[in-house]
Amino acid sequence: MFYDHIHIFLKNDYFNYNIFQTPLMRACEYGHLPVVEQLLDAGAAINRQTDECSSSLIVACHFGLENVVDFLLSKWYKGQY
């Protein structure tokens, strides 16, 4: 199942150095809110940054994905992640 791969990425602290993004950042970039939710539930770090100080929230803002931005902010505000 697709979501099993999420746990593998997180277990290995997967970070794609070719594109300098975590799986959470990629999901935010493409607006895949269900995947964003699954990644966070599986333990993805919401505040992880690239060397250029980009984060999942910044990526979602850059691409104008209000639903993802709202979701990330609600989780961050509640201190859930």
C-alpha atoms as a PDB file:
ATOM      1  CA  MET A   1       0.000   0.000   0.000  1.00  0.00           C
ATOM      2  CA  PHE A   2       1.157   3.560  -0.734  1.00  0.00           C
ATOM      3  CA  TYR A   3       1.010   4.683   2.878  1.00  0.00           C
ATOM      4  CA  ASP A   4       3.399   1.912   3.923  1.00  0.00           C
ATOM      5  CA  HIS A   5       6.082   3.736   1.949  1.00  0.00           C
ATOM      6  CA  ILE A   6       5.511   6.820   4.081  1.00  0.00           C
ATOM      7  CA  HIS A   7       6.586   4.917   7.172  1.00  0.00           C
ATOM      8  CA  ILE A   8       9.712   3.662   5.394  1.00  0.00           C
ATOM      9  CA  PHE A   9      10.695   7.198   4.411  1.00  0.00           C
ATOM     10  CA  LEU A  10      10.183   8.461   7.937  1.00  0.00           C
ATOM     11  CA  LYS A  11      11.915   5.521   9.612  1.00  0.00           C
ATOM     12  CA  ASN A  12      15.014   6.190   7.528  1.00  0.00           C
ATOM     13  CA  ASP A  13      14.721   9.985   7.969  1.00  0.00           C
ATOM     14  CA  TYR A  14      14.465  10.186   4.188  1.00  0.00           C
ATOM     15  CA  PHE A  15      15.590  13.453   2.664  1.00  0.00           C
ATOM     16  CA  ASN A  16      16.028  13.768  -1.068  1.00  0.00           C
ATOM     17  CA  TYR A  17      19.279  15.661  -1.519  1.00  0.00           C
ATOM     18  CA  ASN A  18      18.758  15.873  -5.271  1.00  0.00           C
ATOM     19  CA  ILE A  19      15.708  18.079  -4.806  1.00  0.00           C
ATOM     20  CA  PHE A  20      16.432  19.243  -1.240  1.00  0.00           C
ATOM     21  CA  GLN A  21      12.961  18.374   0.045  1.00  0.00           C
ATOM     22  CA  THR A  22      11.409  15.970   2.506  1.00  0.00           C
ATOM     23  CA  PRO A  23       8.403  13.843   1.527  1.00  0.00           C
ATOM     24  CA  LEU A  24       6.247  16.273   3.535  1.00  0.00           C
ATOM     25  CA  MET A  25       7.546  19.208   1.527  1.00  0.00           C
ATOM     26  CA  ARG A  26       6.826  17.381  -1.732  1.00  0.00           C
ATOM     27  CA  ALA A  27       3.292  16.556  -0.625  1.00  0.00           C
ATOM     28  CA  CYS A  28       2.777  20.216   0.306  1.00  0.00           C
ATOM     29  CA  GLU A  29       4.174  21.354  -3.045  1.00  0.00           C
ATOM     30  CA  TYR A  30       1.601  19.292  -4.931  1.00  0.00           C
ATOM     31  CA  GLY A  31      -1.276  20.007  -2.551  1.00  0.00           C
ATOM     32  CA  HIS A  32      -1.790  16.377  -1.521  1.00  0.00           C
ATOM     33  CA  LEU A  33      -3.541  17.078   1.768  1.00  0.00           C
ATOM     34  CA  PRO A  34      -4.354  13.416   2.574  1.00  0.00           C
ATOM     35  CA  VAL A  35      -0.663  12.553   2.156  1.00  0.00           C
ATOM     36  CA  VAL A  36       0.337  15.563   4.286  1.00  0.00           C
ATOM     37  CA  GLU A  37      -2.009  14.298   7.014  1.00  0.00           C
ATOM     38  CA  GLN A  38      -0.606  10.755   6.772  1.00  0.00           C
ATOM     39  CA  LEU A  39       2.980  11.964   6.902  1.00  0.00           C
ATOM     40  CA  LEU A  40       2.331  14.066   9.985  1.00  0.00           C
ATOM     41  CA  ASP A  41       0.452  11.223  11.668  1.00  0.00           C
ATOM     42  CA  ALA A  42       3.430   8.980  10.915  1.00  0.00           C
ATOM     43  CA  GLY A  43       5.838  11.411  12.587  1.00  0.00           C
ATOM     44  CA  ALA A  44       7.101  13.783   9.886  1.00  0.00           C
ATOM     45  CA  ALA A  45       8.757  16.900  11.286  1.00  0.00           C
ATOM     46  CA  ILE A  46       6.584  19.887  10.428  1.00  0.00           C
ATOM     47  CA  ASN A  47       9.409  22.361  11.153  1.00  0.00           C
ATOM     48  CA  ARG A  48      12.228  20.672   9.228  1.00  0.00           C
ATOM     49  CA  GLN A  49      14.015  23.090   6.920  1.00  0.00           C
ATOM     50  CA  THR A  50      16.243  22.845   3.902  1.00  0.00           C
ATOM     51  CA  ASP A  51      19.633  24.542   3.740  1.00  0.00           C
ATOM     52  CA  GLU A  52      17.838  27.508   2.196  1.00  0.00           C
ATOM     53  CA  CYS A  53      15.457  27.707   5.196  1.00  0.00           C
ATOM     54  CA  SER A  54      12.473  26.469   3.231  1.00  0.00           C
ATOM     55  CA  SER A  55       9.881  24.453   5.154  1.00  0.00           C
ATOM     56  CA  SER A  56       6.673  22.621   4.366  1.00  0.00           C
ATOM     57  CA  LEU A  57       4.668  25.701   5.293  1.00  0.00           C
ATOM     58  CA  ILE A  58       6.778  27.954   3.087  1.00  0.00           C
ATOM     59  CA  VAL A  59       6.408  25.515   0.172  1.00  0.00           C
ATOM     60  CA  ALA A  60       2.613  25.434   0.560  1.00  0.00           C
ATOM     61  CA  CYS A  61       2.496  29.247   0.765  1.00  0.00           C
ATOM     62  CA  HIS A  62       4.704  29.606  -2.311  1.00  0.00           C
ATOM     63  CA  PHE A  63       2.323  27.511  -4.381  1.00  0.00           C
ATOM     64  CA  GLY A  64      -0.788  29.238  -2.981  1.00  0.00           C
ATOM     65  CA  LEU A  65      -2.257  26.062  -1.498  1.00  0.00           C
ATOM     66  CA  GLU A  66      -4.516  27.593   1.119  1.00  0.00           C
ATOM     67  CA  ASN A  67      -6.020  24.314   2.293  1.00  0.00           C
ATOM     68  CA  VAL A  68      -2.565  22.874   3.023  1.00  0.00           C
ATOM     69  CA  VAL A  69      -1.402  26.123   4.644  1.00  0.00           C
ATOM     70  CA  ASP A  70      -4.496  26.222   6.866  1.00  0.00           C
ATOM     71  CA  PHE A  71      -4.005  22.591   7.867  1.00  0.00           C
ATOM     72  CA  LEU A  72      -0.301  23.048   8.685  1.00  0.00           C
ATOM     73  CA  LEU A  73      -0.993  26.197  10.679  1.00  0.00           C
ATOM     74  CA  SER A  74      -3.781  24.527  12.635  1.00  0.00           C
ATOM     75  CA  LYS A  75      -1.489  21.628  13.579  1.00  0.00           C
ATOM     76  CA  TRP A  76       1.409  23.919  14.419  1.00  0.00           C
ATOM     77  CA  TYR A  77      -0.800  26.250  16.473  1.00  0.00           C
ATOM     78  CA  LYS A  78      -2.248  23.374  18.483  1.00  0.00           C
ATOM     79  CA  GLY A  79       1.284  22.117  19.116  1.00  0.00           C
ATOM     80  CA  GLN A  80       0.443  18.718  17.704  1.00  0.00           C
ATOM     81  CA  TYR A  81       3.608  18.485  15.628  1.00  0.00           C
END
